[in-house]
PDB file of N, CA and C in Angstrom:
ATOM      1  N   MET A   1     -65.179 -28.837  10.390  1.00  0.00           N
ATOM      2  CA  MET A   1     -65.989 -28.636  11.575  1.00  0.00           C
ATOM      3  C   MET A   1     -66.010 -29.928  12.392  1.00  0.00           C
ATOM      4  N   MET A   2     -65.707 -29.846  13.650  1.00  0.00           N
ATOM      5  CA  MET A   2     -65.684 -31.005  14.526  1.00  0.00           C
ATOM      6  C   MET A   2     -67.012 -31.128  15.261  1.00  0.00           C
ATOM      7  N   ARG A   3     -67.585 -32.322  15.198  1.00  0.00           N
ATOM      8  CA  ARG A   3     -68.842 -32.564  15.902  1.00  0.00           C
ATOM      9  C   ARG A   3     -68.564 -32.985  17.332  1.00  0.00           C
ATOM     10  N   SER A   4     -69.363 -32.506  18.239  1.00  0.00           N
ATOM     11  CA  SER A   4     -69.198 -32.919  19.629  1.00  0.00           C
ATOM     12  C   SER A   4     -69.890 -34.272  19.831  1.00  0.00           C
ATOM     13  N   MET A   5     -69.333 -35.050  20.720  1.00  0.00           N
ATOM     14  CA  MET A   5     -69.909 -36.355  21.023  1.00  0.00           C
ATOM     15  C   MET A   5     -71.102 -36.171  21.953  1.00  0.00           C
ATOM     16  N   SER A   6     -72.194 -36.819  21.617  1.00  0.00           N
ATOM     17  CA  SER A   6     -73.365 -36.738  22.482  1.00  0.00           C
ATOM     18  C   SER A   6     -73.508 -38.054  23.230  1.00  0.00           C
ATOM     19  N   PRO A   7     -74.161 -38.020  24.385  1.00  0.00           N
ATOM     20  CA  PRO A   7     -74.361 -39.262  25.125  1.00  0.00           C
ATOM     21  C   PRO A   7     -75.229 -40.231  24.316  1.00  0.00           C
ATOM     22  N   VAL A   8     -75.113 -41.482  24.641  1.00  0.00           N
ATOM     23  CA  VAL A   8     -75.892 -42.509  23.954  1.00  0.00           C
ATOM     24  C   VAL A   8     -77.368 -42.319  24.285  1.00  0.00           C
ATOM     25  N   SER A   9     -78.194 -42.323  23.274  1.00  0.00           N
ATOM     26  CA  SER A   9     -79.623 -42.107  23.450  1.00  0.00           C
ATOM     27  C   SER A   9     -80.333 -43.387  23.886  1.00  0.00           C
ATOM     28  N   THR A  10     -81.054 -43.311  24.979  1.00  0.00           N
ATOM     29  CA  THR A  10     -81.858 -44.435  25.435  1.00  0.00           C
ATOM     30  C   THR A  10     -82.978 -44.723  24.444  1.00  0.00           C
ATOM     31  N   VAL A  11     -83.560 -43.677  23.897  1.00  0.00           N
ATOM     32  CA  VAL A  11     -84.665 -43.821  22.932  1.00  0.00           C
ATOM     33  C   VAL A  11     -84.190 -44.558  21.683  1.00  0.00           C
ATOM     34  N   HIS A  12     -83.049 -44.159  21.134  1.00  0.00           N
ATOM     35  CA  HIS A  12     -82.534 -44.813  19.930  1.00  0.00           C
ATOM     36  C   HIS A  12     -82.069 -46.239  20.236  1.00  0.00           C
ATOM     37  N   SER A  13     -81.506 -46.438  21.421  1.00  0.00           N
ATOM     38  CA  SER A  13     -81.103 -47.788  21.815  1.00  0.00           C
ATOM     39  C   SER A  13     -82.315 -48.704  21.893  1.00  0.00           C
ATOM     40  N   ARG A  14     -83.407 -48.216  22.446  1.00  0.00           N
ATOM     41  CA  ARG A  14     -84.649 -48.999  22.537  1.00  0.00           C
ATOM     42  C   ARG A  14     -85.180 -49.318  21.145  1.00  0.00           C
ATOM     43  N   LEU A  15     -85.121 -48.359  20.238  1.00  0.00           N
ATOM     44  CA  LEU A  15     -85.583 -48.571  18.863  1.00  0.00           C
ATOM     45  C   LEU A  15     -84.786 -49.693  18.188  1.00  0.00           C
ATOM     46  N   VAL A  16     -83.479 -49.650  18.324  1.00  0.00           N
ATOM     47  CA  VAL A  16     -82.619 -50.689  17.736  1.00  0.00           C
ATOM     48  C   VAL A  16     -82.897 -52.032  18.402  1.00  0.00           C
ATOM     49  N   TYR A  17     -82.968 -52.060  19.722  1.00  0.00           N
ATOM     50  CA  TYR A  17     -83.201 -53.297  20.466  1.00  0.00           C
ATOM     51  C   TYR A  17     -84.532 -53.933  20.079  1.00  0.00           C
ATOM     52  N   ASP A  18     -85.589 -53.134  20.056  1.00  0.00           N
ATOM     53  CA  ASP A  18     -86.913 -53.655  19.695  1.00  0.00           C
ATOM     54  C   ASP A  18     -86.948 -54.144  18.251  1.00  0.00           C
ATOM     55  N   SER A  19     -86.225 -53.492  17.367  1.00  0.00           N
ATOM     56  CA  SER A  19     -86.167 -53.915  15.963  1.00  0.00           C
ATOM     57  C   SER A  19     -85.472 -55.274  15.835  1.00  0.00           C
ATOM     58  N   LEU A  20     -84.384 -55.463  16.587  1.00  0.00           N
ATOM     59  CA  LEU A  20     -83.685 -56.750  16.557  1.00  0.00           C
ATOM     60  C   LEU A  20     -84.588 -57.867  17.086  1.00  0.00           C
ATOM     61  N   LYS A  21     -85.305 -57.605  18.172  1.00  0.00           N
ATOM     62  CA  LYS A  21     -86.225 -58.610  18.716  1.00  0.00           C
ATOM     63  C   LYS A  21     -87.344 -58.928  17.734  1.00  0.00           C
ATOM     64  N   ALA A  22     -87.845 -57.911  17.039  1.00  0.00           N
ATOM     65  CA  ALA A  22     -88.910 -58.118  16.063  1.00  0.00           C
ATOM     66  C   ALA A  22     -88.446 -58.997  14.902  1.00  0.00           C
ATOM     67  N   CYS A  23     -87.143 -59.003  14.647  1.00  0.00           N
ATOM     68  CA  CYS A  23     -86.566 -59.848  13.593  1.00  0.00           C
ATOM     69  C   CYS A  23     -86.287 -61.258  14.083  1.00  0.00           C
ATOM     70  N   GLY A  24     -86.549 -61.530  15.346  1.00  0.00           N
ATOM     71  CA  GLY A  24     -86.359 -62.866  15.891  1.00  0.00           C
ATOM     72  C   GLY A  24     -85.014 -63.105  16.558  1.00  0.00           C
ATOM     73  N   ILE A  25     -84.246 -62.055  16.772  1.00  0.00           N
ATOM     74  CA  ILE A  25     -82.954 -62.204  17.434  1.00  0.00           C
ATOM     75  C   ILE A  25     -83.186 -62.583  18.896  1.00  0.00           C
ATOM     76  N   ARG A  26     -82.530 -63.666  19.354  1.00  0.00           N
ATOM     77  CA  ARG A  26     -82.672 -64.104  20.740  1.00  0.00           C
ATOM     78  C   ARG A  26     -81.326 -64.346  21.417  1.00  0.00           C
ATOM     79  N   LEU A  27     -80.238 -64.226  20.668  1.00  0.00           N
ATOM     80  CA  LEU A  27     -78.890 -64.377  21.209  1.00  0.00           C
ATOM     81  C   LEU A  27     -78.133 -63.098  20.918  1.00  0.00           C
ATOM     82  N   VAL A  28     -77.607 -62.463  21.960  1.00  0.00           N
ATOM     83  CA  VAL A  28     -76.866 -61.215  21.824  1.00  0.00           C
ATOM     84  C   VAL A  28     -75.451 -61.428  22.332  1.00  0.00           C
ATOM     85  N   LEU A  29     -74.471 -61.120  21.486  1.00  0.00           N
ATOM     86  CA  LEU A  29     -73.061 -61.148  21.861  1.00  0.00           C
ATOM     87  C   LEU A  29     -72.635 -59.705  22.032  1.00  0.00           C
ATOM     88  N   ALA A  30     -72.080 -59.354  23.163  1.00  0.00           N
ATOM     89  CA  ALA A  30     -71.808 -57.950  23.457  1.00  0.00           C
ATOM     90  C   ALA A  30     -70.369 -57.709  23.874  1.00  0.00           C
ATOM     91  N   LEU A  31     -69.736 -56.754  23.215  1.00  0.00           N
ATOM     92  CA  LEU A  31     -68.436 -56.248  23.630  1.00  0.00           C
ATOM     93  C   LEU A  31     -68.645 -55.164  24.681  1.00  0.00           C
ATOM     94  N   PRO A  32     -67.696 -54.964  25.564  1.00  0.00           N
ATOM     95  CA  PRO A  32     -67.859 -53.934  26.594  1.00  0.00           C
ATOM     96  C   PRO A  32     -67.594 -52.531  26.035  1.00  0.00           C
ATOM     97  N   GLU A  33     -68.512 -52.020  25.268  1.00  0.00           N
ATOM     98  CA  GLU A  33     -68.397 -50.690  24.672  1.00  0.00           C
ATOM     99  C   GLU A  33     -69.394 -49.754  25.341  1.00  0.00           C
ATOM    100  N   THR A  34     -68.985 -48.534  25.618  1.00  0.00           N
ATOM    101  CA  THR A  34     -69.879 -47.590  26.302  1.00  0.00           C
ATOM    102  C   THR A  34     -71.103 -47.244  25.468  1.00  0.00           C
ATOM    103  N   TRP A  35     -70.982 -47.235  24.150  1.00  0.00           N
ATOM    104  CA  TRP A  35     -72.131 -46.884  23.315  1.00  0.00           C
ATOM    105  C   TRP A  35     -73.162 -48.011  23.244  1.00  0.00           C
ATOM    106  N   LEU A  36     -72.862 -49.172  23.806  1.00  0.00           N
ATOM    107  CA  LEU A  36     -73.811 -50.286  23.840  1.00  0.00           C
ATOM    108  C   LEU A  36     -74.471 -50.456  25.205  1.00  0.00           C
ATOM    109  N   VAL A  37     -74.142 -49.582  26.138  1.00  0.00           N
ATOM    110  CA  VAL A  37     -74.552 -49.777  27.526  1.00  0.00           C
ATOM    111  C   VAL A  37     -76.059 -49.976  27.689  1.00  0.00           C
ATOM    112  N   HIS A  38     -76.880 -49.207  27.018  1.00  0.00           N
ATOM    113  CA  HIS A  38     -78.336 -49.344  27.179  1.00  0.00           C
ATOM    114  C   HIS A  38     -78.828 -50.656  26.575  1.00  0.00           C
ATOM    115  N   ARG A  39     -78.323 -51.012  25.398  1.00  0.00           N
ATOM    116  CA  ARG A  39     -78.758 -52.248  24.751  1.00  0.00           C
ATOM    117  C   ARG A  39     -78.310 -53.474  25.538  1.00  0.00           C
ATOM    118  N   ILE A  40     -77.136 -53.429  26.127  1.00  0.00           N
ATOM    119  CA  ILE A  40     -76.665 -54.551  26.947  1.00  0.00           C
ATOM    120  C   ILE A  40     -77.559 -54.685  28.178  1.00  0.00           C
ATOM    121  N   ARG A  41     -77.885 -53.571  28.796  1.00  0.00           N
ATOM    122  CA  ARG A  41     -78.764 -53.596  29.966  1.00  0.00           C
ATOM    123  C   ARG A  41     -80.148 -54.140  29.604  1.00  0.00           C
ATOM    124  N   MET A  42     -80.656 -53.748  28.430  1.00  0.00           N
ATOM    125  CA  MET A  42     -81.961 -54.247  27.980  1.00  0.00           C
ATOM    126  C   MET A  42     -81.914 -55.764  27.788  1.00  0.00           C
ATOM    127  N   ALA A  43     -80.828 -56.260  27.205  1.00  0.00           N
ATOM    128  CA  ALA A  43     -80.683 -57.702  26.994  1.00  0.00           C
ATOM    129  C   ALA A  43     -80.561 -58.442  28.326  1.00  0.00           C
ATOM    130  N   GLU A  44     -79.853 -57.856  29.288  1.00  0.00           N
ATOM    131  CA  GLU A  44     -79.716 -58.464  30.624  1.00  0.00           C
ATOM    132  C   GLU A  44     -81.074 -58.613  31.305  1.00  0.00           C
ATOM    133  N   ASP A  45     -81.924 -57.628  31.134  1.00  0.00           N
ATOM    134  CA  ASP A  45     -83.216 -57.604  31.818  1.00  0.00           C
ATOM    135  C   ASP A  45     -84.312 -58.369  31.080  1.00  0.00           C
ATOM    136  N   ASP A  46     -84.019 -58.877  29.889  1.00  0.00           N
ATOM    137  CA  ASP A  46     -85.026 -59.521  29.045  1.00  0.00           C
ATOM    138  C   ASP A  46     -84.908 -61.041  29.155  1.00  0.00           C
ATOM    139  N   PRO A  47     -85.907 -61.707  29.738  1.00  0.00           N
ATOM    140  CA  PRO A  47     -85.832 -63.164  29.894  1.00  0.00           C
ATOM    141  C   PRO A  47     -85.879 -63.928  28.565  1.00  0.00           C
ATOM    142  N   GLU A  48     -86.282 -63.280  27.486  1.00  0.00           N
ATOM    143  CA  GLU A  48     -86.343 -63.931  26.173  1.00  0.00           C
ATOM    144  C   GLU A  48     -85.001 -63.897  25.437  1.00  0.00           C
ATOM    145  N   ILE A  49     -84.030 -63.183  25.991  1.00  0.00           N
ATOM    146  CA  ILE A  49     -82.740 -62.991  25.330  1.00  0.00           C
ATOM    147  C   ILE A  49     -81.638 -63.698  26.111  1.00  0.00           C
ATOM    148  N   THR A  50     -80.747 -64.354  25.372  1.00  0.00           N
ATOM    149  CA  THR A  50     -79.529 -64.908  25.955  1.00  0.00           C
ATOM    150  C   THR A  50     -78.408 -63.935  25.642  1.00  0.00           C
ATOM    151  N   LEU A  51     -77.753 -63.429  26.677  1.00  0.00           N
ATOM    152  CA  LEU A  51     -76.664 -62.461  26.522  1.00  0.00           C
ATOM    153  C   LEU A  51     -75.341 -63.137  26.817  1.00  0.00           C
ATOM    154  N   ALA A  52     -74.412 -63.050  25.875  1.00  0.00           N
ATOM    155  CA  ALA A  52     -73.058 -63.560  26.074  1.00  0.00           C
ATOM    156  C   ALA A  52     -72.112 -62.375  25.989  1.00  0.00           C
ATOM    157  N   ARG A  53     -71.438 -62.114  27.084  1.00  0.00           N
ATOM    158  CA  ARG A  53     -70.488 -60.990  27.116  1.00  0.00           C
ATOM    159  C   ARG A  53     -69.146 -61.450  26.565  1.00  0.00           C
ATOM    160  N   LEU A  54     -68.602 -60.683  25.647  1.00  0.00           N
ATOM    161  CA  LEU A  54     -67.304 -60.969  25.049  1.00  0.00           C
ATOM    162  C   LEU A  54     -66.258 -60.037  25.633  1.00  0.00           C
ATOM    163  N   VAL A  55     -65.007 -60.334  25.397  1.00  0.00           N
ATOM    164  CA  VAL A  55     -63.928 -59.457  25.837  1.00  0.00           C
ATOM    165  C   VAL A  55     -63.225 -58.888  24.618  1.00  0.00           C
ATOM    166  N   LYS A  56     -62.589 -57.748  24.804  1.00  0.00           N
ATOM    167  CA  LYS A  56     -61.776 -57.176  23.741  1.00  0.00           C
ATOM    168  C   LYS A  56     -60.521 -58.010  23.586  1.00  0.00           C
ATOM    169  N   GLU A  57     -59.898 -57.936  22.418  1.00  0.00           N
ATOM    170  CA  GLU A  57     -58.743 -58.772  22.134  1.00  0.00           C
ATOM    171  C   GLU A  57     -57.640 -58.624  23.171  1.00  0.00           C
ATOM    172  N   GLU A  58     -57.370 -57.385  23.591  1.00  0.00           N
ATOM    173  CA  GLU A  58     -56.293 -57.183  24.559  1.00  0.00           C
ATOM    174  C   GLU A  58     -56.634 -57.728  25.948  1.00  0.00           C
ATOM    175  N   GLU A  59     -57.903 -58.029  26.196  1.00  0.00           N
ATOM    176  CA  GLU A  59     -58.316 -58.590  27.475  1.00  0.00           C
ATOM    177  C   GLU A  59     -58.427 -60.110  27.420  1.00  0.00           C
ATOM    178  N   GLY A  60     -58.293 -60.673  26.224  1.00  0.00           N
ATOM    179  CA  GLY A  60     -58.496 -62.102  26.014  1.00  0.00           C
ATOM    180  C   GLY A  60     -57.388 -62.962  26.581  1.00  0.00           C
ATOM    181  N   ALA A  61     -57.620 -64.260  26.517  1.00  0.00           N
ATOM    182  CA  ALA A  61     -56.646 -65.229  27.017  1.00  0.00           C
ATOM    183  C   ALA A  61     -56.241 -66.157  25.890  1.00  0.00           C
ATOM    184  N   GLY A  62     -55.072 -66.729  26.003  1.00  0.00           N
ATOM    185  CA  GLY A  62     -54.635 -67.711  25.032  1.00  0.00           C
ATOM    186  C   GLY A  62     -53.673 -67.141  24.017  1.00  0.00           C
ATOM    187  N   SER A  63     -53.173 -68.000  23.177  1.00  0.00           N
ATOM    188  CA  SER A  63     -52.254 -67.600  22.119  1.00  0.00           C
ATOM    189  C   SER A  63     -52.735 -68.199  20.817  1.00  0.00           C
ATOM    190  N   PRO A  64     -52.238 -67.708  19.683  1.00  0.00           N
ATOM    191  CA  PRO A  64     -52.709 -68.248  18.398  1.00  0.00           C
ATOM    192  C   PRO A  64     -52.434 -69.746  18.296  1.00  0.00           C
ATOM    193  N   PRO A  65     -53.452 -70.524  17.939  1.00  0.00           N
ATOM    194  CA  PRO A  65     -53.244 -71.966  17.835  1.00  0.00           C
ATOM    195  C   PRO A  65     -52.456 -72.322  16.577  1.00  0.00           C
ATOM    196  N   ARG A  66     -51.683 -73.407  16.658  1.00  0.00           N
ATOM    197  CA  ARG A  66     -51.013 -73.925  15.468  1.00  0.00           C
ATOM    198  C   ARG A  66     -52.053 -74.627  14.617  1.00  0.00           C
ATOM    199  N   ALA A  67     -51.765 -74.815  13.364  1.00  0.00           N
ATOM    200  CA  ALA A  67     -52.722 -75.400  12.421  1.00  0.00           C
ATOM    201  C   ALA A  67     -53.200 -76.776  12.867  1.00  0.00           C
ATOM    202  N   ARG A  68     -52.345 -77.557  13.510  1.00  0.00           N
ATOM    203  CA  ARG A  68     -52.749 -78.911  13.910  1.00  0.00           C
ATOM    204  C   ARG A  68     -53.511 -78.927  15.239  1.00  0.00           C
ATOM    205  N   ASP A  69     -53.503 -77.811  15.965  1.00  0.00           N
ATOM    206  CA  ASP A  69     -54.202 -77.743  17.248  1.00  0.00           C
ATOM    207  C   ASP A  69     -55.696 -77.531  17.047  1.00  0.00           C
ATOM    208  N   ARG A  70     -56.457 -78.000  17.988  1.00  0.00           N
ATOM    209  CA  ARG A  70     -57.891 -77.709  18.022  1.00  0.00           C
ATOM    210  C   ARG A  70     -58.099 -76.769  19.195  1.00  0.00           C
ATOM    211  N   ALA A  71     -58.569 -75.560  18.904  1.00  0.00           N
ATOM    212  CA  ALA A  71     -58.673 -74.589  19.991  1.00  0.00           C
ATOM    213  C   ALA A  71     -59.751 -73.563  19.704  1.00  0.00           C
ATOM    214  N   LEU A  72     -60.361 -73.106  20.746  1.00  0.00           N
ATOM    215  CA  LEU A  72     -61.226 -71.935  20.712  1.00  0.00           C
ATOM    216  C   LEU A  72     -60.547 -70.937  21.632  1.00  0.00           C
ATOM    217  N   THR A  73     -60.082 -69.845  21.067  1.00  0.00           N
ATOM    218  CA  THR A  73     -59.311 -68.885  21.848  1.00  0.00           C
ATOM    219  C   THR A  73     -60.191 -67.695  22.193  1.00  0.00           C
ATOM    220  N   VAL A  74     -60.335 -67.414  23.447  1.00  0.00           N
ATOM    221  CA  VAL A  74     -61.160 -66.303  23.912  1.00  0.00           C
ATOM    222  C   VAL A  74     -60.465 -64.986  23.589  1.00  0.00           C
ATOM    223  N   GLY A  75     -61.221 -64.035  23.073  1.00  0.00           N
ATOM    224  CA  GLY A  75     -60.684 -62.711  22.842  1.00  0.00           C
ATOM    225  C   GLY A  75     -59.884 -62.580  21.567  1.00  0.00           C
ATOM    226  N   ARG A  76     -59.981 -63.540  20.701  1.00  0.00           N
ATOM    227  CA  ARG A  76     -59.274 -63.484  19.414  1.00  0.00           C
ATOM    228  C   ARG A  76     -60.305 -63.440  18.290  1.00  0.00           C
ATOM    229  N   SER A  77     -59.819 -63.100  17.112  1.00  0.00           N
ATOM    230  CA  SER A  77     -60.746 -62.978  15.984  1.00  0.00           C
ATOM    231  C   SER A  77     -60.808 -64.253  15.156  1.00  0.00           C
ATOM    232  N   TYR A  78     -60.337 -65.360  15.693  1.00  0.00           N
ATOM    233  CA  TYR A  78     -60.366 -66.611  14.944  1.00  0.00           C
ATOM    234  C   TYR A  78     -60.710 -67.781  15.863  1.00  0.00           C
ATOM    235  N   VAL A  79     -61.159 -68.829  15.231  1.00  0.00           N
ATOM    236  CA  VAL A  79     -61.410 -70.094  15.923  1.00  0.00           C
ATOM    237  C   VAL A  79     -60.748 -71.173  15.086  1.00  0.00           C
ATOM    238  N   ALA A  80     -59.917 -71.981  15.675  1.00  0.00           N
ATOM    239  CA  ALA A  80     -59.258 -73.080  14.960  1.00  0.00           C
ATOM    240  C   ALA A  80     -60.021 -74.365  15.219  1.00  0.00           C
ATOM    241  N   ARG A  81     -60.068 -75.229  14.213  1.00  0.00           N
ATOM    242  CA  ARG A  81     -60.737 -76.536  14.390  1.00  0.00           C
ATOM    243  C   ARG A  81     -59.722 -77.643  14.276  1.00  0.00           C
TER     244      ARG A  81
END
């Protein structure tokens, strides 16, 4: 049986967002995913939260660093020191 996709719930997004804030979360890193749209908007509108928007790997810049290089590559799953 295939389940149909339902739109993202604002109520459930608020529940998750408020729970994270209650735990002391003040920095939010967000990928551009449609299912995060309400939570990202909540973080944007909240002066107590710092929102850092990330990019997907295919949208990122840079190339894999060599072992001797020091680099922070945007849009990759690694950071070289």
